Amino acid sequence: MNDHQDSENFAYNKSWDDIENFLYEVEREQNKHWMAFQRCPKPLRMFHWNNYKGLEGVINALRWVLGDLHMGRNKVLGRDKK
C-alpha cells in the first residue's frame, strides 16, 4: 500500500484557514528566494532558483486545493506550458 493510501498516517484535521495561512507563508518564502536569487553571487543562484521553483509547485497545489478557478490540474502536474 502506498503511503498516501494509508489513512492512519493522515490526520485530515487542517482547516481552510490553516491551508490559506500556509499558502501565504509559502508565497513569502518563495519571494525571499526570488529576492536572494536576484542579489546573490552566481554560485548560489542555483540553490535559490531550485527552491523558488519547488515552492512554485507547492503554491500551485495549495491553490488547487483551495479551489482557485485559474489553477487547473495540468498546471499542478506541470503539464501546462503557460
PDB file of N, CA and C in Angstrom:
ATOM      1  N   MET A   1       0.842  -1.176   0.000  1.00  0.00           N
ATOM      2  CA  MET A   1       0.000   0.000   0.000  1.00  0.00           C
ATOM      3  C   MET A   1       0.891   1.244   0.000  1.00  0.00           C
ATOM      4  N   ASN A   2       0.557   2.207  -0.841  1.00  0.00           N
ATOM      5  CA  ASN A   2       1.297   3.467  -0.878  1.00  0.00           C
ATOM      6  C   ASN A   2       1.045   4.261   0.388  1.00  0.00           C
ATOM      7  N   ASP A   3       2.017   5.073   0.762  1.00  0.00           N
ATOM      8  CA  ASP A   3       1.903   5.881   1.967  1.00  0.00           C
ATOM      9  C   ASP A   3       0.676   6.785   1.934  1.00  0.00           C
ATOM     10  N   HIS A   4       0.365   7.348   0.757  1.00  0.00           N
ATOM     11  CA  HIS A   4      -0.770   8.263   0.679  1.00  0.00           C
ATOM     12  C   HIS A   4      -2.119   7.542   0.756  1.00  0.00           C
ATOM     13  N   GLN A   5      -2.130   6.221   0.645  1.00  0.00           N
ATOM     14  CA  GLN A   5      -3.366   5.456   0.763  1.00  0.00           C
ATOM     15  C   GLN A   5      -3.559   4.917   2.171  1.00  0.00           C
ATOM     16  N   ASP A   6      -2.561   5.051   3.009  1.00  0.00           N
ATOM     17  CA  ASP A   6      -2.603   4.541   4.367  1.00  0.00           C
ATOM     18  C   ASP A   6      -3.180   5.617   5.278  1.00  0.00           C
ATOM     19  N   SER A   7      -4.487   5.596   5.506  1.00  0.00           N
ATOM     20  CA  SER A   7      -5.162   6.688   6.194  1.00  0.00           C
ATOM     21  C   SER A   7      -4.734   6.865   7.642  1.00  0.00           C
ATOM     22  N   GLU A   8      -4.114   5.874   8.247  1.00  0.00           N
ATOM     23  CA  GLU A   8      -3.690   6.059   9.633  1.00  0.00           C
ATOM     24  C   GLU A   8      -2.489   7.006   9.751  1.00  0.00           C
ATOM     25  N   ASN A   9      -1.864   7.360   8.628  1.00  0.00           N
ATOM     26  CA  ASN A   9      -0.760   8.311   8.631  1.00  0.00           C
ATOM     27  C   ASN A   9      -1.215   9.739   8.359  1.00  0.00           C
ATOM     28  N   PHE A  10      -2.499   9.951   8.191  1.00  0.00           N
ATOM     29  CA  PHE A  10      -3.028  11.269   7.877  1.00  0.00           C
ATOM     30  C   PHE A  10      -4.079  11.663   8.905  1.00  0.00           C
ATOM     31  N   ALA A  11      -4.009  12.907   9.372  1.00  0.00           N
ATOM     32  CA  ALA A  11      -4.931  13.372  10.400  1.00  0.00           C
ATOM     33  C   ALA A  11      -6.213  13.965   9.807  1.00  0.00           C
ATOM     34  N   TYR A  12      -6.145  14.535   8.619  1.00  0.00           N
ATOM     35  CA  TYR A  12      -7.298  15.182   7.985  1.00  0.00           C
ATOM     36  C   TYR A  12      -7.922  16.228   8.906  1.00  0.00           C
ATOM     37  N   ASN A  13      -7.083  16.999   9.601  1.00  0.00           N
ATOM     38  CA  ASN A  13      -7.616  17.963  10.551  1.00  0.00           C
ATOM     39  C   ASN A  13      -7.239  19.409  10.209  1.00  0.00           C
ATOM     40  N   LYS A  14      -6.863  19.673   8.995  1.00  0.00           N
ATOM     41  CA  LYS A  14      -6.494  21.024   8.596  1.00  0.00           C
ATOM     42  C   LYS A  14      -7.734  21.805   8.181  1.00  0.00           C
ATOM     43  N   SER A  15      -7.855  23.017   8.704  1.00  0.00           N
ATOM     44  CA  SER A  15      -8.976  23.877   8.321  1.00  0.00           C
ATOM     45  C   SER A  15      -8.611  24.654   7.064  1.00  0.00           C
ATOM     46  N   TRP A  16      -9.613  25.266   6.455  1.00  0.00           N
ATOM     47  CA  TRP A  16      -9.352  26.099   5.283  1.00  0.00           C
ATOM     48  C   TRP A  16      -8.438  27.255   5.667  1.00  0.00           C
ATOM     49  N   ASP A  17      -8.627  27.792   6.879  1.00  0.00           N
ATOM     50  CA  ASP A  17      -7.751  28.871   7.355  1.00  0.00           C
ATOM     51  C   ASP A  17      -6.310  28.394   7.480  1.00  0.00           C
ATOM     52  N   ASP A  18      -6.114  27.167   7.980  1.00  0.00           N
ATOM     53  CA  ASP A  18      -4.758  26.606   8.081  1.00  0.00           C
ATOM     54  C   ASP A  18      -4.104  26.537   6.703  1.00  0.00           C
ATOM     55  N   ILE A  19      -4.863  26.081   5.719  1.00  0.00           N
ATOM     56  CA  ILE A  19      -4.330  25.934   4.362  1.00  0.00           C
ATOM     57  C   ILE A  19      -4.032  27.301   3.758  1.00  0.00           C
ATOM     58  N   GLU A  20      -4.940  28.277   3.933  1.00  0.00           N
ATOM     59  CA  GLU A  20      -4.718  29.617   3.408  1.00  0.00           C
ATOM     60  C   GLU A  20      -3.504  30.281   4.069  1.00  0.00           C
ATOM     61  N   ASN A  21      -3.366  30.106   5.376  1.00  0.00           N
ATOM     62  CA  ASN A  21      -2.213  30.675   6.082  1.00  0.00           C
ATOM     63  C   ASN A  21      -0.915  30.036   5.620  1.00  0.00           C
ATOM     64  N   PHE A  22      -0.945  28.736   5.375  1.00  0.00           N
ATOM     65  CA  PHE A  22       0.245  28.057   4.885  1.00  0.00           C
ATOM     66  C   PHE A  22       0.599  28.545   3.488  1.00  0.00           C
ATOM     67  N   LEU A  23      -0.412  28.740   2.641  1.00  0.00           N
ATOM     68  CA  LEU A  23      -0.182  29.281   1.300  1.00  0.00           C
ATOM     69  C   LEU A  23       0.500  30.644   1.395  1.00  0.00           C
ATOM     70  N   TYR A  24       0.019  31.504   2.284  1.00  0.00           N
ATOM     71  CA  TYR A  24       0.620  32.822   2.473  1.00  0.00           C
ATOM     72  C   TYR A  24       2.084  32.692   2.898  1.00  0.00           C
ATOM     73  N   GLU A  25       2.352  31.777   3.824  1.00  0.00           N
ATOM     74  CA  GLU A  25       3.719  31.563   4.305  1.00  0.00           C
ATOM     75  C   GLU A  25       4.636  31.057   3.191  1.00  0.00           C
ATOM     76  N   VAL A  26       4.132  30.136   2.385  1.00  0.00           N
ATOM     77  CA  VAL A  26       4.922  29.587   1.278  1.00  0.00           C
ATOM     78  C   VAL A  26       5.204  30.670   0.240  1.00  0.00           C
ATOM     79  N   GLU A  27       4.203  31.515  -0.047  1.00  0.00           N
ATOM     80  CA  GLU A  27       4.417  32.604  -1.008  1.00  0.00           C
ATOM     81  C   GLU A  27       5.478  33.582  -0.503  1.00  0.00           C
ATOM     82  N   ARG A  28       5.485  33.866   0.785  1.00  0.00           N
ATOM     83  CA  ARG A  28       6.511  34.736   1.358  1.00  0.00           C
ATOM     84  C   ARG A  28       7.894  34.096   1.252  1.00  0.00           C
ATOM     85  N   GLU A  29       7.964  32.798   1.529  1.00  0.00           N
ATOM     86  CA  GLU A  29       9.240  32.089   1.435  1.00  0.00           C
ATOM     87  C   GLU A  29       9.748  32.078  -0.007  1.00  0.00           C
ATOM     88  N   GLN A  30       8.836  31.870  -0.954  1.00  0.00           N
ATOM     89  CA  GLN A  30       9.216  31.884  -2.366  1.00  0.00           C
ATOM     90  C   GLN A  30       9.746  33.269  -2.753  1.00  0.00           C
ATOM     91  N   ASN A  31       9.108  34.320  -2.262  1.00  0.00           N
ATOM     92  CA  ASN A  31       9.555  35.677  -2.554  1.00  0.00           C
ATOM     93  C   ASN A  31      10.955  35.921  -2.002  1.00  0.00           C
ATOM     94  N   LYS A  32      11.242  35.391  -0.817  1.00  0.00           N
ATOM     95  CA  LYS A  32      12.584  35.525  -0.239  1.00  0.00           C
ATOM     96  C   LYS A  32      13.634  34.888  -1.161  1.00  0.00           C
ATOM     97  N   HIS A  33      13.311  33.719  -1.705  1.00  0.00           N
ATOM     98  CA  HIS A  33      14.260  33.058  -2.605  1.00  0.00           C
ATOM     99  C   HIS A  33      14.422  33.837  -3.901  1.00  0.00           C
ATOM    100  N   TRP A  34      13.340  34.444  -4.389  1.00  0.00           N
ATOM    101  CA  TRP A  34      13.429  35.237  -5.614  1.00  0.00           C
ATOM    102  C   TRP A  34      14.328  36.454  -5.394  1.00  0.00           C
ATOM    103  N   MET A  35      14.120  37.131  -4.259  1.00  0.00           N
ATOM    104  CA  MET A  35      14.929  38.303  -3.958  1.00  0.00           C
ATOM    105  C   MET A  35      16.395  37.909  -3.772  1.00  0.00           C
ATOM    106  N   ALA A  36      16.638  36.806  -3.085  1.00  0.00           N
ATOM    107  CA  ALA A  36      18.014  36.342  -2.877  1.00  0.00           C
ATOM    108  C   ALA A  36      18.645  35.938  -4.204  1.00  0.00           C
ATOM    109  N   PHE A  37      17.862  35.304  -5.071  1.00  0.00           N
ATOM    110  CA  PHE A  37      18.358  34.903  -6.393  1.00  0.00           C
ATOM    111  C   PHE A  37      18.851  36.111  -7.177  1.00  0.00           C
ATOM    112  N   GLN A  38      18.121  37.205  -7.101  1.00  0.00           N
ATOM    113  CA  GLN A  38      18.477  38.405  -7.858  1.00  0.00           C
ATOM    114  C   GLN A  38      19.731  39.096  -7.320  1.00  0.00           C
ATOM    115  N   ARG A  39      20.017  38.928  -6.032  1.00  0.00           N
ATOM    116  CA  ARG A  39      21.131  39.645  -5.404  1.00  0.00           C
ATOM    117  C   ARG A  39      22.371  38.793  -5.159  1.00  0.00           C
ATOM    118  N   CYS A  40      22.217  37.486  -5.149  1.00  0.00           N
ATOM    119  CA  CYS A  40      23.309  36.629  -4.672  1.00  0.00           C
ATOM    120  C   CYS A  40      24.395  36.435  -5.733  1.00  0.00           C
ATOM    121  N   PRO A  41      25.581  36.023  -5.279  1.00  0.00           N
ATOM    122  CA  PRO A  41      26.645  35.696  -6.234  1.00  0.00           C
ATOM    123  C   PRO A  41      26.255  34.473  -7.063  1.00  0.00           C
ATOM    124  N   LYS A  42      26.807  34.391  -8.228  1.00  0.00           N
ATOM    125  CA  LYS A  42      26.444  33.351  -9.190  1.00  0.00           C
ATOM    126  C   LYS A  42      26.467  31.928  -8.626  1.00  0.00           C
ATOM    127  N   PRO A  43      27.450  31.535  -7.812  1.00  0.00           N
ATOM    128  CA  PRO A  43      27.461  30.151  -7.311  1.00  0.00           C
ATOM    129  C   PRO A  43      26.243  29.774  -6.451  1.00  0.00           C
ATOM    130  N   LEU A  44      25.566  30.767  -5.859  1.00  0.00           N
ATOM    131  CA  LEU A  44      24.401  30.479  -5.014  1.00  0.00           C
ATOM    132  C   LEU A  44      23.078  30.554  -5.761  1.00  0.00           C
ATOM    133  N   ARG A  45      23.097  31.031  -6.965  1.00  0.00           N
ATOM    134  CA  ARG A  45      21.842  31.238  -7.702  1.00  0.00           C
ATOM    135  C   ARG A  45      21.050  29.954  -7.900  1.00  0.00           C
ATOM    136  N   MET A  46      21.731  28.859  -8.196  1.00  0.00           N
ATOM    137  CA  MET A  46      21.016  27.604  -8.450  1.00  0.00           C
ATOM    138  C   MET A  46      20.249  27.143  -7.204  1.00  0.00           C
ATOM    139  N   PHE A  47      20.845  27.325  -6.029  1.00  0.00           N
ATOM    140  CA  PHE A  47      20.169  26.971  -4.780  1.00  0.00           C
ATOM    141  C   PHE A  47      18.850  27.726  -4.648  1.00  0.00           C
ATOM    142  N   HIS A  48      18.899  29.043  -4.841  1.00  0.00           N
ATOM    143  CA  HIS A  48      17.688  29.859  -4.686  1.00  0.00           C
ATOM    144  C   HIS A  48      16.691  29.593  -5.810  1.00  0.00           C
ATOM    145  N   TRP A  49      17.176  29.364  -7.021  1.00  0.00           N
ATOM    146  CA  TRP A  49      16.280  29.071  -8.145  1.00  0.00           C
ATOM    147  C   TRP A  49      15.539  27.752  -7.914  1.00  0.00           C
ATOM    148  N   ASN A  50      16.265  26.724  -7.474  1.00  0.00           N
ATOM    149  CA  ASN A  50      15.626  25.429  -7.227  1.00  0.00           C
ATOM    150  C   ASN A  50      14.571  25.535  -6.134  1.00  0.00           C
ATOM    151  N   ASN A  51      14.867  26.270  -5.084  1.00  0.00           N
ATOM    152  CA  ASN A  51      13.884  26.458  -4.016  1.00  0.00           C
ATOM    153  C   ASN A  51      12.688  27.268  -4.505  1.00  0.00           C
ATOM    154  N   TYR A  52      12.957  28.295  -5.297  1.00  0.00           N
ATOM    155  CA  TYR A  52      11.884  29.107  -5.861  1.00  0.00           C
ATOM    156  C   TYR A  52      10.932  28.244  -6.692  1.00  0.00           C
ATOM    157  N   LYS A  53      11.512  27.427  -7.584  1.00  0.00           N
ATOM    158  CA  LYS A  53      10.682  26.587  -8.452  1.00  0.00           C
ATOM    159  C   LYS A  53       9.958  25.496  -7.668  1.00  0.00           C
ATOM    160  N   GLY A  54      10.608  24.922  -6.668  1.00  0.00           N
ATOM    161  CA  GLY A  54       9.961  23.914  -5.832  1.00  0.00           C
ATOM    162  C   GLY A  54       8.766  24.484  -5.099  1.00  0.00           C
ATOM    163  N   LEU A  55       8.933  25.681  -4.567  1.00  0.00           N
ATOM    164  CA  LEU A  55       7.826  26.329  -3.858  1.00  0.00           C
ATOM    165  C   LEU A  55       6.706  26.727  -4.818  1.00  0.00           C
ATOM    166  N   GLU A  56       7.047  26.970  -6.062  1.00  0.00           N
ATOM    167  CA  GLU A  56       6.023  27.247  -7.071  1.00  0.00           C
ATOM    168  C   GLU A  56       5.066  26.055  -7.196  1.00  0.00           C
ATOM    169  N   GLY A  57       5.615  24.852  -7.161  1.00  0.00           N
ATOM    170  CA  GLY A  57       4.782  23.652  -7.204  1.00  0.00           C
ATOM    171  C   GLY A  57       3.901  23.526  -5.981  1.00  0.00           C
ATOM    172  N   VAL A  58       4.440  23.861  -4.821  1.00  0.00           N
ATOM    173  CA  VAL A  58       3.654  23.828  -3.581  1.00  0.00           C
ATOM    174  C   VAL A  58       2.513  24.829  -3.664  1.00  0.00           C
ATOM    175  N   ILE A  59       2.813  26.023  -4.143  1.00  0.00           N
ATOM    176  CA  ILE A  59       1.792  27.074  -4.275  1.00  0.00           C
ATOM    177  C   ILE A  59       0.696  26.632  -5.228  1.00  0.00           C
ATOM    178  N   ASN A  60       1.079  26.068  -6.364  1.00  0.00           N
ATOM    179  CA  ASN A  60       0.079  25.591  -7.328  1.00  0.00           C
ATOM    180  C   ASN A  60      -0.822  24.535  -6.705  1.00  0.00           C
ATOM    181  N   ALA A  61      -0.243  23.607  -5.966  1.00  0.00           N
ATOM    182  CA  ALA A  61      -1.034  22.541  -5.345  1.00  0.00           C
ATOM    183  C   ALA A  61      -1.979  23.109  -4.285  1.00  0.00           C
ATOM    184  N   LEU A  62      -1.489  24.017  -3.466  1.00  0.00           N
ATOM    185  CA  LEU A  62      -2.349  24.603  -2.431  1.00  0.00           C
ATOM    186  C   LEU A  62      -3.476  25.426  -3.053  1.00  0.00           C
ATOM    187  N   ARG A  63      -3.158  26.160  -4.100  1.00  0.00           N
ATOM    188  CA  ARG A  63      -4.207  26.952  -4.764  1.00  0.00           C
ATOM    189  C   ARG A  63      -5.257  26.032  -5.388  1.00  0.00           C
ATOM    190  N   TRP A  64      -4.828  24.903  -5.921  1.00  0.00           N
ATOM    191  CA  TRP A  64      -5.765  23.926  -6.479  1.00  0.00           C
ATOM    192  C   TRP A  64      -6.666  23.363  -5.376  1.00  0.00           C
ATOM    193  N   VAL A  65      -6.067  23.030  -4.231  1.00  0.00           N
ATOM    194  CA  VAL A  65      -6.840  22.507  -3.104  1.00  0.00           C
ATOM    195  C   VAL A  65      -7.875  23.523  -2.638  1.00  0.00           C
ATOM    196  N   LEU A  66      -7.496  24.797  -2.654  1.00  0.00           N
ATOM    197  CA  LEU A  66      -8.417  25.847  -2.212  1.00  0.00           C
ATOM    198  C   LEU A  66      -9.473  26.189  -3.262  1.00  0.00           C
ATOM    199  N   GLY A  67      -9.368  25.593  -4.441  1.00  0.00           N
ATOM    200  CA  GLY A  67     -10.402  25.786  -5.463  1.00  0.00           C
ATOM    201  C   GLY A  67     -10.178  26.955  -6.393  1.00  0.00           C
ATOM    202  N   ASP A  68      -8.947  27.413  -6.561  1.00  0.00           N
ATOM    203  CA  ASP A  68      -8.634  28.501  -7.485  1.00  0.00           C
ATOM    204  C   ASP A  68      -9.093  28.095  -8.891  1.00  0.00           C
ATOM    205  N   LEU A  69      -9.978  28.886  -9.454  1.00  0.00           N
ATOM    206  CA  LEU A  69     -10.542  28.564 -10.770  1.00  0.00           C
ATOM    207  C   LEU A  69      -9.522  28.675 -11.893  1.00  0.00           C
ATOM    208  N   HIS A  70      -8.416  29.353 -11.646  1.00  0.00           N
ATOM    209  CA  HIS A  70      -7.373  29.514 -12.664  1.00  0.00           C
ATOM    210  C   HIS A  70      -6.246  28.495 -12.505  1.00  0.00           C
ATOM    211  N   MET A  71      -6.408  27.584 -11.571  1.00  0.00           N
ATOM    212  CA  MET A  71      -5.359  26.586 -11.310  1.00  0.00           C
ATOM    213  C   MET A  71      -5.883  25.216 -11.736  1.00  0.00           C
ATOM    214  N   GLY A  72      -5.587  24.864 -12.953  1.00  0.00           N
ATOM    215  CA  GLY A  72      -6.041  23.590 -13.473  1.00  0.00           C
ATOM    216  C   GLY A  72      -5.161  22.429 -13.040  1.00  0.00           C
ATOM    217  N   ARG A  73      -5.697  21.257 -13.169  1.00  0.00           N
ATOM    218  CA  ARG A  73      -4.983  20.035 -12.797  1.00  0.00           C
ATOM    219  C   ARG A  73      -3.670  19.896 -13.581  1.00  0.00           C
ATOM    220  N   ASN A  74      -3.710  20.226 -14.872  1.00  0.00           N
ATOM    221  CA  ASN A  74      -2.498  20.109 -15.697  1.00  0.00           C
ATOM    222  C   ASN A  74      -1.394  21.055 -15.247  1.00  0.00           C
ATOM    223  N   LYS A  75      -1.770  22.243 -14.786  1.00  0.00           N
ATOM    224  CA  LYS A  75      -0.753  23.178 -14.303  1.00  0.00           C
ATOM    225  C   LYS A  75      -0.111  22.637 -13.032  1.00  0.00           C
ATOM    226  N   VAL A  76      -0.900  22.062 -12.143  1.00  0.00           N
ATOM    227  CA  VAL A  76      -0.364  21.490 -10.910  1.00  0.00           C
ATOM    228  C   VAL A  76       0.577  20.342 -11.221  1.00  0.00           C
ATOM    229  N   LEU A  77       0.247  19.554 -12.231  1.00  0.00           N
ATOM    230  CA  LEU A  77       1.061  18.408 -12.615  1.00  0.00           C
ATOM    231  C   LEU A  77       2.234  18.778 -13.521  1.00  0.00           C
ATOM    232  N   GLY A  78       2.354  20.060 -13.866  1.00  0.00           N
ATOM    233  CA  GLY A  78       3.457  20.510 -14.698  1.00  0.00           C
ATOM    234  C   GLY A  78       3.276  20.216 -16.166  1.00  0.00           C
ATOM    235  N   ARG A  79       2.059  19.963 -16.574  1.00  0.00           N
ATOM    236  CA  ARG A  79       1.786  19.663 -17.987  1.00  0.00           C
ATOM    237  C   ARG A  79       1.383  20.896 -18.774  1.00  0.00           C
ATOM    238  N   ASP A  80       1.033  21.962 -18.069  1.00  0.00           N
ATOM    239  CA  ASP A  80       0.611  23.210 -18.698  1.00  0.00           C
ATOM    240  C   ASP A  80       1.845  24.000 -19.096  1.00  0.00           C
ATOM    241  N   LYS A  81       1.930  24.412 -20.336  1.00  0.00           N
ATOM    242  CA  LYS A  81       3.111  25.097 -20.832  1.00  0.00           C
ATOM    243  C   LYS A  81       3.097  26.594 -20.548  1.00  0.00           C
ATOM    244  N   LYS A  82       2.037  27.098 -19.924  1.00  0.00           N
ATOM    245  CA  LYS A  82       1.914  28.549 -19.659  1.00  0.00           C
ATOM    246  C   LYS A  82       2.702  28.940 -18.451  1.00  0.00           C
TER     247      LYS A  82
END
